PDB file of N, CA and C in Angstrom:
ATOM      1  N   UNK A   1      48.013 115.176 120.882  1.00  0.00           N
ATOM      2  CA  UNK A   1      48.312 114.702 120.006  1.00  0.00           C
ATOM      3  C   UNK A   1      47.602 114.818 118.925  1.00  0.00           C
ATOM      4  N   UNK A   2      47.915 115.319 117.812  1.00  0.00           N
ATOM      5  CA  UNK A   2      47.145 115.316 116.532  1.00  0.00           C
ATOM      6  C   UNK A   2      47.176 114.222 115.703  1.00  0.00           C
ATOM      7  N   UNK A   3      46.559 114.333 114.520  1.00  0.00           N
ATOM      8  CA  UNK A   3      46.281 112.938 113.714  1.00  0.00           C
ATOM      9  C   UNK A   3      47.267 112.429 112.889  1.00  0.00           C
ATOM     10  N   UNK A   4      48.193 113.497 112.496  1.00  0.00           N
ATOM     11  CA  UNK A   4      49.468 113.121 111.857  1.00  0.00           C
ATOM     12  C   UNK A   4      50.399 112.414 112.769  1.00  0.00           C
ATOM     13  N   UNK A   5      50.489 113.118 114.328  1.00  0.00           N
ATOM     14  CA  UNK A   5      51.471 112.079 115.053  1.00  0.00           C
ATOM     15  C   UNK A   5      51.098 110.848 115.383  1.00  0.00           C
ATOM     16  N   UNK A   6      49.836 110.471 115.450  1.00  0.00           N
ATOM     17  CA  UNK A   6      49.200 109.357 115.569  1.00  0.00           C
ATOM     18  C   UNK A   6      49.557 108.339 114.434  1.00  0.00           C
ATOM     19  N   UNK A   7      49.383 108.811 113.489  1.00  0.00           N
ATOM     20  CA  UNK A   7      49.742 107.947 112.076  1.00  0.00           C
ATOM     21  C   UNK A   7      51.385 107.756 112.075  1.00  0.00           C
ATOM     22  N   UNK A   8      51.799 108.623 112.276  1.00  0.00           N
ATOM     23  CA  UNK A   8      53.425 108.515 112.484  1.00  0.00           C
ATOM     24  C   UNK A   8      53.785 107.355 113.540  1.00  0.00           C
ATOM     25  N   UNK A   9      53.172 107.530 114.700  1.00  0.00           N
ATOM     26  CA  UNK A   9      53.456 106.351 115.678  1.00  0.00           C
ATOM     27  C   UNK A   9      53.026 105.019 115.316  1.00  0.00           C
ATOM     28  N   UNK A  10      51.767 104.979 114.617  1.00  0.00           N
ATOM     29  CA  UNK A  10      50.996 103.679 114.143  1.00  0.00           C
ATOM     30  C   UNK A  10      52.153 103.082 113.004  1.00  0.00           C
ATOM     31  N   UNK A  11      52.795 103.834 112.215  1.00  0.00           N
ATOM     32  CA  UNK A  11      53.480 103.427 111.136  1.00  0.00           C
ATOM     33  C   UNK A  11      54.817 102.917 111.851  1.00  0.00           C
ATOM     34  N   UNK A  12      55.678 103.930 112.631  1.00  0.00           N
ATOM     35  CA  UNK A  12      56.713 103.231 113.274  1.00  0.00           C
ATOM     36  C   UNK A  12      56.609 101.938 114.147  1.00  0.00           C
ATOM     37  N   UNK A  13      55.387 101.808 114.830  1.00  0.00           N
ATOM     38  CA  UNK A  13      54.951 100.702 115.576  1.00  0.00           C
ATOM     39  C   UNK A  13      54.974  99.297 114.545  1.00  0.00           C
ATOM     40  N   UNK A  14      54.244  99.689 113.379  1.00  0.00           N
ATOM     41  CA  UNK A  14      54.073  98.564 112.482  1.00  0.00           C
ATOM     42  C   UNK A  14      55.326  98.228 112.004  1.00  0.00           C
ATOM     43  N   UNK A  15      56.180  99.287 111.743  1.00  0.00           N
ATOM     44  CA  UNK A  15      57.473  98.964 110.973  1.00  0.00           C
ATOM     45  C   UNK A  15      58.324  97.897 112.085  1.00  0.00           C
ATOM     46  N   UNK A  16      58.477  98.249 113.267  1.00  0.00           N
ATOM     47  CA  UNK A  16      58.922  97.875 114.458  1.00  0.00           C
ATOM     48  C   UNK A  16      58.560  96.222 114.599  1.00  0.00           C
ATOM     49  N   UNK A  17      57.146  96.264 114.341  1.00  0.00           N
ATOM     50  CA  UNK A  17      56.854  94.630 114.652  1.00  0.00           C
ATOM     51  C   UNK A  17      57.552  93.981 113.440  1.00  0.00           C
ATOM     52  N   UNK A  18      57.104  94.401 112.320  1.00  0.00           N
ATOM     53  CA  UNK A  18      57.193  93.788 110.954  1.00  0.00           C
ATOM     54  C   UNK A  18      58.789  93.415 111.030  1.00  0.00           C
ATOM     55  N   UNK A  19      59.811  94.182 111.655  1.00  0.00           N
ATOM     56  CA  UNK A  19      61.195  94.046 111.481  1.00  0.00           C
ATOM     57  C   UNK A  19      61.540  92.957 112.317  1.00  0.00           C
ATOM     58  N   UNK A  20      60.858  92.948 113.481  1.00  0.00           N
ATOM     59  CA  UNK A  20      61.215  92.071 114.789  1.00  0.00           C
ATOM     60  C   UNK A  20      60.599  90.475 114.213  1.00  0.00           C
ATOM     61  N   UNK A  21      59.524  90.744 113.557  1.00  0.00           N
ATOM     62  CA  UNK A  21      59.029  89.572 113.155  1.00  0.00           C
ATOM     63  C   UNK A  21      59.551  89.045 112.107  1.00  0.00           C
ATOM     64  N   UNK A  22      60.203  89.779 111.109  1.00  0.00           N
ATOM     65  CA  UNK A  22      61.272  89.015 109.973  1.00  0.00           C
ATOM     66  C   UNK A  22      62.233  88.617 110.362  1.00  0.00           C
ATOM     67  N   UNK A  23      63.144  89.184 111.466  1.00  0.00           N
ATOM     68  CA  UNK A  23      64.206  88.693 112.080  1.00  0.00           C
ATOM     69  C   UNK A  23      63.876  87.155 112.578  1.00  0.00           C
ATOM     70  N   UNK A  24      62.780  87.062 113.304  1.00  0.00           N
ATOM     71  CA  UNK A  24      62.253  85.748 113.920  1.00  0.00           C
ATOM     72  C   UNK A  24      62.098  84.769 112.875  1.00  0.00           C
ATOM     73  N   UNK A  25      61.236  85.173 111.882  1.00  0.00           N
ATOM     74  CA  UNK A  25      61.244  84.233 110.584  1.00  0.00           C
ATOM     75  C   UNK A  25      62.364  83.855 109.982  1.00  0.00           C
ATOM     76  N   UNK A  26      63.364  84.790 109.722  1.00  0.00           N
ATOM     77  CA  UNK A  26      64.482  84.353 109.391  1.00  0.00           C
ATOM     78  C   UNK A  26      65.436  83.364 110.165  1.00  0.00           C
ATOM     79  N   UNK A  27      65.342  83.530 111.612  1.00  0.00           N
ATOM     80  CA  UNK A  27      66.004  82.471 112.313  1.00  0.00           C
ATOM     81  C   UNK A  27      65.262  80.853 112.039  1.00  0.00           C
ATOM     82  N   UNK A  28      64.087  81.059 111.897  1.00  0.00           N
ATOM     83  CA  UNK A  28      63.088  79.803 111.764  1.00  0.00           C
ATOM     84  C   UNK A  28      63.662  79.351 110.409  1.00  0.00           C
ATOM     85  N   UNK A  29      63.828  79.859 109.373  1.00  0.00           N
ATOM     86  CA  UNK A  29      64.284  79.595 108.026  1.00  0.00           C
ATOM     87  C   UNK A  29      65.562  78.981 107.918  1.00  0.00           C
ATOM     88  N   UNK A  30      66.531  79.624 108.706  1.00  0.00           N
ATOM     89  CA  UNK A  30      67.739  78.866 109.069  1.00  0.00           C
ATOM     90  C   UNK A  30      67.681  77.757 109.623  1.00  0.00           C
ATOM     91  N   UNK A  31      66.933  77.372 110.759  1.00  0.00           N
ATOM     92  CA  UNK A  31      66.988  76.275 111.398  1.00  0.00           C
ATOM     93  C   UNK A  31      66.246  75.142 110.576  1.00  0.00           C
ATOM     94  N   UNK A  32      65.349  75.383 109.820  1.00  0.00           N
ATOM     95  CA  UNK A  32      64.459  74.589 108.894  1.00  0.00           C
ATOM     96  C   UNK A  32      65.315  74.046 107.649  1.00  0.00           C
ATOM     97  N   UNK A  33      66.268  75.290 107.221  1.00  0.00           N
ATOM     98  CA  UNK A  33      66.969  74.738 106.077  1.00  0.00           C
ATOM     99  C   UNK A  33      68.039  73.972 106.541  1.00  0.00           C
ATOM    100  N   UNK A  34      68.729  74.143 107.773  1.00  0.00           N
ATOM    101  CA  UNK A  34      69.671  73.582 108.240  1.00  0.00           C
ATOM    102  C   UNK A  34      69.243  71.990 108.459  1.00  0.00           C
ATOM    103  N   UNK A  35      68.083  71.691 109.354  1.00  0.00           N
ATOM    104  CA  UNK A  35      67.420  70.613 109.368  1.00  0.00           C
ATOM    105  C   UNK A  35      67.424  69.514 107.987  1.00  0.00           C
ATOM    106  N   UNK A  36      66.768  70.213 106.986  1.00  0.00           N
ATOM    107  CA  UNK A  36      66.648  69.704 105.613  1.00  0.00           C
ATOM    108  C   UNK A  36      68.045  69.310 105.156  1.00  0.00           C
ATOM    109  N   UNK A  37      69.147  70.095 105.068  1.00  0.00           N
ATOM    110  CA  UNK A  37      70.358  69.790 104.571  1.00  0.00           C
ATOM    111  C   UNK A  37      70.912  68.687 105.434  1.00  0.00           C
ATOM    112  N   UNK A  38      70.823  68.712 106.716  1.00  0.00           N
ATOM    113  CA  UNK A  38      71.400  67.438 107.474  1.00  0.00           C
ATOM    114  C   UNK A  38      70.657  66.143 107.032  1.00  0.00           C
ATOM    115  N   UNK A  39      69.199  66.428 106.918  1.00  0.00           N
ATOM    116  CA  UNK A  39      68.381  65.148 106.602  1.00  0.00           C
ATOM    117  C   UNK A  39      69.025  64.431 105.263  1.00  0.00           C
ATOM    118  N   UNK A  40      69.261  65.443 104.577  1.00  0.00           N
ATOM    119  CA  UNK A  40      69.762  64.877 102.972  1.00  0.00           C
ATOM    120  C   UNK A  40      71.076  64.740 102.679  1.00  0.00           C
ATOM    121  N   UNK A  41      72.062  64.995 103.654  1.00  0.00           N
ATOM    122  CA  UNK A  41      73.253  64.784 103.810  1.00  0.00           C
ATOM    123  C   UNK A  41      73.992  65.960 102.748  1.00  0.00           C
ATOM    124  N   UNK A  42      73.620  66.879 102.975  1.00  0.00           N
ATOM    125  CA  UNK A  42      74.301  68.288 102.209  1.00  0.00           C
ATOM    126  C   UNK A  42      74.607  69.289 103.313  1.00  0.00           C
ATOM    127  N   UNK A  43      75.588  70.139 102.755  1.00  0.00           N
ATOM    128  CA  UNK A  43      75.876  71.297 103.748  1.00  0.00           C
ATOM    129  C   UNK A  43      75.350  72.646 103.332  1.00  0.00           C
ATOM    130  N   UNK A  44      74.528  72.947 104.363  1.00  0.00           N
ATOM    131  CA  UNK A  44      73.822  74.290 104.140  1.00  0.00           C
ATOM    132  C   UNK A  44      75.288  75.551 104.132  1.00  0.00           C
ATOM    133  N   UNK A  45      75.305  76.363 103.364  1.00  0.00           N
ATOM    134  CA  UNK A  45      76.294  77.417 103.468  1.00  0.00           C
ATOM    135  C   UNK A  45      75.911  78.425 104.089  1.00  0.00           C
ATOM    136  N   UNK A  46      76.883  79.106 104.871  1.00  0.00           N
ATOM    137  CA  UNK A  46      76.502  79.995 105.839  1.00  0.00           C
ATOM    138  C   UNK A  46      76.297  81.557 105.168  1.00  0.00           C
ATOM    139  N   UNK A  47      75.140  82.005 105.795  1.00  0.00           N
ATOM    140  CA  UNK A  47      74.981  83.657 105.114  1.00  0.00           C
ATOM    141  C   UNK A  47      74.266  83.384 103.733  1.00  0.00           C
ATOM    142  N   UNK A  48      73.546  82.174 103.570  1.00  0.00           N
ATOM    143  CA  UNK A  48      72.834  82.280 102.132  1.00  0.00           C
ATOM    144  C   UNK A  48      71.274  82.400 102.451  1.00  0.00           C
ATOM    145  N   UNK A  49      71.116  82.418 103.548  1.00  0.00           N
ATOM    146  CA  UNK A  49      69.420  82.242 103.691  1.00  0.00           C
ATOM    147  C   UNK A  49      68.821  83.624 103.692  1.00  0.00           C
ATOM    148  N   UNK A  50      67.753  83.800 102.880  1.00  0.00           N
ATOM    149  CA  UNK A  50      67.265  85.094 102.568  1.00  0.00           C
ATOM    150  C   UNK A  50      65.783  85.100 102.366  1.00  0.00           C
ATOM    151  N   UNK A  51      65.026  85.654 102.766  1.00  0.00           N
ATOM    152  CA  UNK A  51      63.643  85.784 102.403  1.00  0.00           C
ATOM    153  C   UNK A  51      63.375  86.861 101.466  1.00  0.00           C
ATOM    154  N   UNK A  52      63.075  86.109 100.354  1.00  0.00           N
ATOM    155  CA  UNK A  52      62.978  86.805  98.916  1.00  0.00           C
ATOM    156  C   UNK A  52      61.558  87.434  98.792  1.00  0.00           C
ATOM    157  N   UNK A  53      60.361  86.982  99.365  1.00  0.00           N
ATOM    158  CA  UNK A  53      59.220  87.990  99.291  1.00  0.00           C
ATOM    159  C   UNK A  53      58.148  87.499 100.517  1.00  0.00           C
ATOM    160  N   UNK A  54      57.539  88.641 100.871  1.00  0.00           N
ATOM    161  CA  UNK A  54      56.562  88.532 101.998  1.00  0.00           C
ATOM    162  C   UNK A  54      55.305  89.089 101.496  1.00  0.00           C
ATOM    163  N   UNK A  55      54.485  88.407 101.496  1.00  0.00           N
ATOM    164  CA  UNK A  55      52.797  88.887 101.202  1.00  0.00           C
ATOM    165  C   UNK A  55      51.921  88.494 102.146  1.00  0.00           C
ATOM    166  N   UNK A  56      50.713  89.377 101.980  1.00  0.00           N
ATOM    167  CA  UNK A  56      49.666  88.651 102.969  1.00  0.00           C
ATOM    168  C   UNK A  56      49.130  87.401 102.124  1.00  0.00           C
ATOM    169  N   UNK A  57      48.452  86.686 102.964  1.00  0.00           N
ATOM    170  CA  UNK A  57      47.811  85.484 102.607  1.00  0.00           C
ATOM    171  C   UNK A  57      46.787  84.898 103.776  1.00  0.00           C
ATOM    172  N   UNK A  58      45.834  83.853 103.536  1.00  0.00           N
ATOM    173  CA  UNK A  58      45.063  83.410 104.601  1.00  0.00           C
ATOM    174  C   UNK A  58      45.550  82.059 105.019  1.00  0.00           C
ATOM    175  N   UNK A  59      45.807  81.883 106.157  1.00  0.00           N
ATOM    176  CA  UNK A  59      46.201  80.432 106.520  1.00  0.00           C
ATOM    177  C   UNK A  59      45.146  79.373 106.487  1.00  0.00           C
ATOM    178  N   UNK A  60      45.277  78.362 106.809  1.00  0.00           N
ATOM    179  CA  UNK A  60      44.226  77.089 106.656  1.00  0.00           C
ATOM    180  C   UNK A  60      42.939  77.354 107.549  1.00  0.00           C
ATOM    181  N   UNK A  61      42.925  78.148 108.590  1.00  0.00           N
ATOM    182  CA  UNK A  61      42.157  78.667 109.604  1.00  0.00           C
ATOM    183  C   UNK A  61      40.979  79.950 108.797  1.00  0.00           C
ATOM    184  N   UNK A  62      41.884  80.533 107.697  1.00  0.00           N
ATOM    185  CA  UNK A  62      41.240  81.663 107.286  1.00  0.00           C
ATOM    186  C   UNK A  62      41.626  82.898 107.899  1.00  0.00           C
ATOM    187  N   UNK A  63      42.707  82.736 108.614  1.00  0.00           N
ATOM    188  CA  UNK A  63      43.163  83.986 109.391  1.00  0.00           C
ATOM    189  C   UNK A  63      44.328  84.605 108.364  1.00  0.00           C
ATOM    190  N   UNK A  64      44.401  85.954 108.768  1.00  0.00           N
ATOM    191  CA  UNK A  64      45.051  86.567 107.700  1.00  0.00           C
ATOM    192  C   UNK A  64      46.678  86.611 108.160  1.00  0.00           C
ATOM    193  N   UNK A  65      47.499  86.198 107.164  1.00  0.00           N
ATOM    194  CA  UNK A  65      48.941  85.730 107.932  1.00  0.00           C
ATOM    195  C   UNK A  65      50.021  86.512 106.749  1.00  0.00           C
ATOM    196  N   UNK A  66      51.325  86.161 107.201  1.00  0.00           N
ATOM    197  CA  UNK A  66      52.253  86.695 106.173  1.00  0.00           C
ATOM    198  C   UNK A  66      52.828  84.983 105.421  1.00  0.00           C
ATOM    199  N   UNK A  67      52.904  85.423 104.068  1.00  0.00           N
ATOM    200  CA  UNK A  67      53.702  84.113 103.565  1.00  0.00           C
ATOM    201  C   UNK A  67      54.880  84.514 103.236  1.00  0.00           C
ATOM    202  N   UNK A  68      56.074  83.736 103.136  1.00  0.00           N
ATOM    203  CA  UNK A  68      57.219  84.232 103.070  1.00  0.00           C
ATOM    204  C   UNK A  68      58.096  83.140 101.999  1.00  0.00           C
ATOM    205  N   UNK A  69      58.549  83.439 101.053  1.00  0.00           N
ATOM    206  CA  UNK A  69      59.271  82.894 100.045  1.00  0.00           C
ATOM    207  C   UNK A  69      60.822  82.787 100.489  1.00  0.00           C
ATOM    208  N   UNK A  70      61.266  81.717 100.690  1.00  0.00           N
ATOM    209  CA  UNK A  70      62.723  82.082 101.043  1.00  0.00           C
ATOM    210  C   UNK A  70      63.905  81.118 100.165  1.00  0.00           C
ATOM    211  N   UNK A  71      65.009  81.558 100.107  1.00  0.00           N
ATOM    212  CA  UNK A  71      65.990  80.724  99.383  1.00  0.00           C
ATOM    213  C   UNK A  71      67.397  80.621 100.407  1.00  0.00           C
ATOM    214  N   UNK A  72      67.719  79.536 100.053  1.00  0.00           N
ATOM    215  CA  UNK A  72      69.208  79.189 100.759  1.00  0.00           C
ATOM    216  C   UNK A  72      70.019  78.497  99.874  1.00  0.00           C
ATOM    217  N   UNK A  73      71.516  78.354 100.091  1.00  0.00           N
ATOM    218  CA  UNK A  73      72.358  77.720  99.021  1.00  0.00           C
ATOM    219  C   UNK A  73      72.940  76.467  99.974  1.00  0.00           C
ATOM    220  N   UNK A  74      73.105  75.375  99.348  1.00  0.00           N
ATOM    221  CA  UNK A  74      73.748  74.199 100.056  1.00  0.00           C
ATOM    222  C   UNK A  74      74.719  73.538  99.152  1.00  0.00           C
ATOM    223  N   UNK A  75      75.567  72.636  99.686  1.00  0.00           N
ATOM    224  CA  UNK A  75      76.770  72.259  98.685  1.00  0.00           C
ATOM    225  C   UNK A  75      76.537  70.648  98.857  1.00  0.00           C
ATOM    226  N   UNK A  76      76.602  69.908  97.849  1.00  0.00           N
ATOM    227  CA  UNK A  76      76.399  68.660  97.938  1.00  0.00           C
ATOM    228  C   UNK A  76      77.752  67.912  97.989  1.00  0.00           C
ATOM    229  N   UNK A  77      78.874  68.213  97.326  1.00  0.00           N
ATOM    230  CA  UNK A  77      80.347  68.016  97.545  1.00  0.00           C
ATOM    231  C   UNK A  77      81.213  68.840  98.073  1.00  0.00           C
ATOM    232  N   UNK A  78      80.968  69.935  98.543  1.00  0.00           N
ATOM    233  CA  UNK A  78      81.929  70.924  99.086  1.00  0.00           C
ATOM    234  C   UNK A  78      82.276  72.147  98.364  1.00  0.00           C
ATOM    235  N   UNK A  79      82.060  71.759  96.786  1.00  0.00           N
ATOM    236  CA  UNK A  79      82.672  72.604  95.741  1.00  0.00           C
ATOM    237  C   UNK A  79      81.672  73.109  94.961  1.00  0.00           C
ATOM    238  N   UNK A  80      80.503  72.947  95.133  1.00  0.00           N
ATOM    239  CA  UNK A  80      79.412  73.319  94.305  1.00  0.00           C
ATOM    240  C   UNK A  80      78.456  74.104  95.068  1.00  0.00           C
ATOM    241  N   UNK A  81      77.619  74.777  94.222  1.00  0.00           N
ATOM    242  CA  UNK A  81      76.425  75.740  95.084  1.00  0.00           C
ATOM    243  C   UNK A  81      75.022  75.174  94.296  1.00  0.00           C
ATOM    244  N   UNK A  82      74.335  74.831  95.292  1.00  0.00           N
ATOM    245  CA  UNK A  82      73.107  74.515  94.823  1.00  0.00           C
ATOM    246  C   UNK A  82      71.860  75.338  95.380  1.00  0.00           C
ATOM    247  N   UNK A  83      70.726  75.539  95.211  1.00  0.00           N
ATOM    248  CA  UNK A  83      69.881  76.344  95.677  1.00  0.00           C
ATOM    249  C   UNK A  83      68.435  75.366  96.032  1.00  0.00           C
ATOM    250  N   UNK A  84      68.297  75.812  97.297  1.00  0.00           N
ATOM    251  CA  UNK A  84      67.112  75.453  97.833  1.00  0.00           C
ATOM    252  C   UNK A  84      65.926  76.529  98.457  1.00  0.00           C
ATOM    253  N   UNK A  85      64.845  76.179  98.368  1.00  0.00           N
ATOM    254  CA  UNK A  85      63.632  77.146  98.451  1.00  0.00           C
ATOM    255  C   UNK A  85      62.739  76.454  99.470  1.00  0.00           C
ATOM    256  N   UNK A  86      62.000  77.305 100.404  1.00  0.00           N
ATOM    257  CA  UNK A  86      60.978  76.840 101.058  1.00  0.00           C
ATOM    258  C   UNK A  86      59.882  78.350 101.387  1.00  0.00           C
ATOM    259  N   UNK A  87      58.801  77.905 101.766  1.00  0.00           N
ATOM    260  CA  UNK A  87      57.772  78.707 101.790  1.00  0.00           C
ATOM    261  C   UNK A  87      57.076  78.427 103.375  1.00  0.00           C
ATOM    262  N   UNK A  88      57.202  79.534 103.971  1.00  0.00           N
ATOM    263  CA  UNK A  88      56.314  79.882 105.557  1.00  0.00           C
ATOM    264  C   UNK A  88      55.047  80.569 105.416  1.00  0.00           C
ATOM    265  N   UNK A  89      54.160  79.948 105.837  1.00  0.00           N
ATOM    266  CA  UNK A  89      52.619  80.782 105.904  1.00  0.00           C
ATOM    267  C   UNK A  89      52.779  80.871 107.757  1.00  0.00           C
ATOM    268  N   UNK A  90      52.774  81.913 107.962  1.00  0.00           N
ATOM    269  CA  UNK A  90      52.868  82.496 109.499  1.00  0.00           C
ATOM    270  C   UNK A  90      54.103  81.764 109.954  1.00  0.00           C
ATOM    271  N   UNK A  91      54.033  80.560 110.976  1.00  0.00           N
ATOM    272  CA  UNK A  91      55.572  80.208 111.425  1.00  0.00           C
ATOM    273  C   UNK A  91      55.437  78.474 110.966  1.00  0.00           C
ATOM    274  N   UNK A  92      54.741  78.269 110.088  1.00  0.00           N
ATOM    275  CA  UNK A  92      54.369  76.563 109.637  1.00  0.00           C
ATOM    276  C   UNK A  92      55.152  76.705 108.145  1.00  0.00           C
ATOM    277  N   UNK A  93      55.837  75.567 107.944  1.00  0.00           N
ATOM    278  CA  UNK A  93      56.749  75.344 106.649  1.00  0.00           C
ATOM    279  C   UNK A  93      55.423  74.623 105.876  1.00  0.00           C
ATOM    280  N   UNK A  94      55.228  74.949 104.531  1.00  0.00           N
ATOM    281  CA  UNK A  94      54.430  74.783 103.649  1.00  0.00           C
ATOM    282  C   UNK A  94      54.829  73.787 102.696  1.00  0.00           C
ATOM    283  N   UNK A  95      55.963  74.416 102.048  1.00  0.00           N
ATOM    284  CA  UNK A  95      56.880  73.331 101.037  1.00  0.00           C
ATOM    285  C   UNK A  95      58.236  73.903 101.165  1.00  0.00           C
ATOM    286  N   UNK A  96      59.008  72.849 100.788  1.00  0.00           N
ATOM    287  CA  UNK A  96      60.616  72.708 100.718  1.00  0.00           C
ATOM    288  C   UNK A  96      61.217  71.929  99.608  1.00  0.00           C
ATOM    289  N   UNK A  97      62.112  72.729  98.718  1.00  0.00           N
ATOM    290  CA  UNK A  97      62.749  72.090  97.688  1.00  0.00           C
ATOM    291  C   UNK A  97      63.940  72.048  97.888  1.00  0.00           C
ATOM    292  N   UNK A  98      64.793  71.049  97.643  1.00  0.00           N
ATOM    293  CA  UNK A  98      66.330  71.069  97.443  1.00  0.00           C
ATOM    294  C   UNK A  98      66.653  70.811  96.086  1.00  0.00           C
ATOM    295  N   UNK A  99      67.309  71.495  95.183  1.00  0.00           N
ATOM    296  CA  UNK A  99      67.189  71.291  93.733  1.00  0.00           C
ATOM    297  C   UNK A  99      68.237  70.191  93.293  1.00  0.00           C
ATOM    298  N   UNK A 100      69.019  69.969  94.119  1.00  0.00           N
ATOM    299  CA  UNK A 100      69.766  68.847  93.828  1.00  0.00           C
ATOM    300  C   UNK A 100      69.120  67.649  93.942  1.00  0.00           C
ATOM    301  N   UNK A 101      68.212  67.575  94.504  1.00  0.00           N
ATOM    302  CA  UNK A 101      67.338  66.067  94.839  1.00  0.00           C
ATOM    303  C   UNK A 101      66.020  66.410  93.926  1.00  0.00           C
ATOM    304  N   UNK A 102      65.743  65.364  93.183  1.00  0.00           N
ATOM    305  CA  UNK A 102      64.903  65.081  92.081  1.00  0.00           C
ATOM    306  C   UNK A 102      63.418  65.131  92.849  1.00  0.00           C
ATOM    307  N   UNK A 103      63.306  64.798  94.206  1.00  0.00           N
ATOM    308  CA  UNK A 103      61.908  65.216  94.670  1.00  0.00           C
ATOM    309  C   UNK A 103      61.639  66.244  95.217  1.00  0.00           C
ATOM    310  N   UNK A 104      60.366  66.724  95.756  1.00  0.00           N
ATOM    311  CA  UNK A 104      59.758  67.845  96.038  1.00  0.00           C
ATOM    312  C   UNK A 104      58.843  67.471  97.094  1.00  0.00           C
ATOM    313  N   UNK A 105      59.546  68.223  98.256  1.00  0.00           N
ATOM    314  CA  UNK A 105      58.679  67.981  99.451  1.00  0.00           C
ATOM    315  C   UNK A 105      57.282  68.732  99.764  1.00  0.00           C
ATOM    316  N   UNK A 106      56.296  68.147  99.927  1.00  0.00           N
ATOM    317  CA  UNK A 106      54.847  68.809 100.096  1.00  0.00           C
ATOM    318  C   UNK A 106      54.517  68.813 101.458  1.00  0.00           C
ATOM    319  N   UNK A 107      54.417  69.733 101.873  1.00  0.00           N
ATOM    320  CA  UNK A 107      53.900  69.582 103.321  1.00  0.00           C
ATOM    321  C   UNK A 107      52.692  70.548 103.515  1.00  0.00           C
ATOM    322  N   UNK A 108      51.605  69.898 104.116  1.00  0.00           N
ATOM    323  CA  UNK A 108      50.264  70.876 104.413  1.00  0.00           C
ATOM    324  C   UNK A 108      49.734  71.269 103.107  1.00  0.00           C
ATOM    325  N   UNK A 109      49.520  70.404 102.069  1.00  0.00           N
ATOM    326  CA  UNK A 109      48.755  70.719 100.972  1.00  0.00           C
ATOM    327  C   UNK A 109      49.621  71.815  99.879  1.00  0.00           C
ATOM    328  N   UNK A 110      50.882  72.011 100.301  1.00  0.00           N
ATOM    329  CA  UNK A 110      51.534  72.787  99.076  1.00  0.00           C
ATOM    330  C   UNK A 110      51.089  74.052  98.482  1.00  0.00           C
ATOM    331  N   UNK A 111      50.647  75.232  99.298  1.00  0.00           N
ATOM    332  CA  UNK A 111      50.100  76.138  98.678  1.00  0.00           C
ATOM    333  C   UNK A 111      50.964  77.043  97.743  1.00  0.00           C
TER     334      UNK A 111
END
């Protein structure tokens, strides 16, 4: 195997890992959004959960991790659409915001 083949294989492996990790993170975001909506008595709107931004960051222990900023939509009365946002670092919820509510949930220091 020459150097180019090794690089291509590494890029493909990294891309596959990132894709699988993103799918796993999206499922976690869906679950967290559903729990937050249930807790606040609002309805999570199906198929509105998206990861808007992914970037490298350091976690509380100084390890390199991925931070994901996510958005979802929910309804208070069944006819409206509100936006909620949350941030994950690795698999840890850092902050969550439901815009129909005046409060802002800060978890673990709110990076």
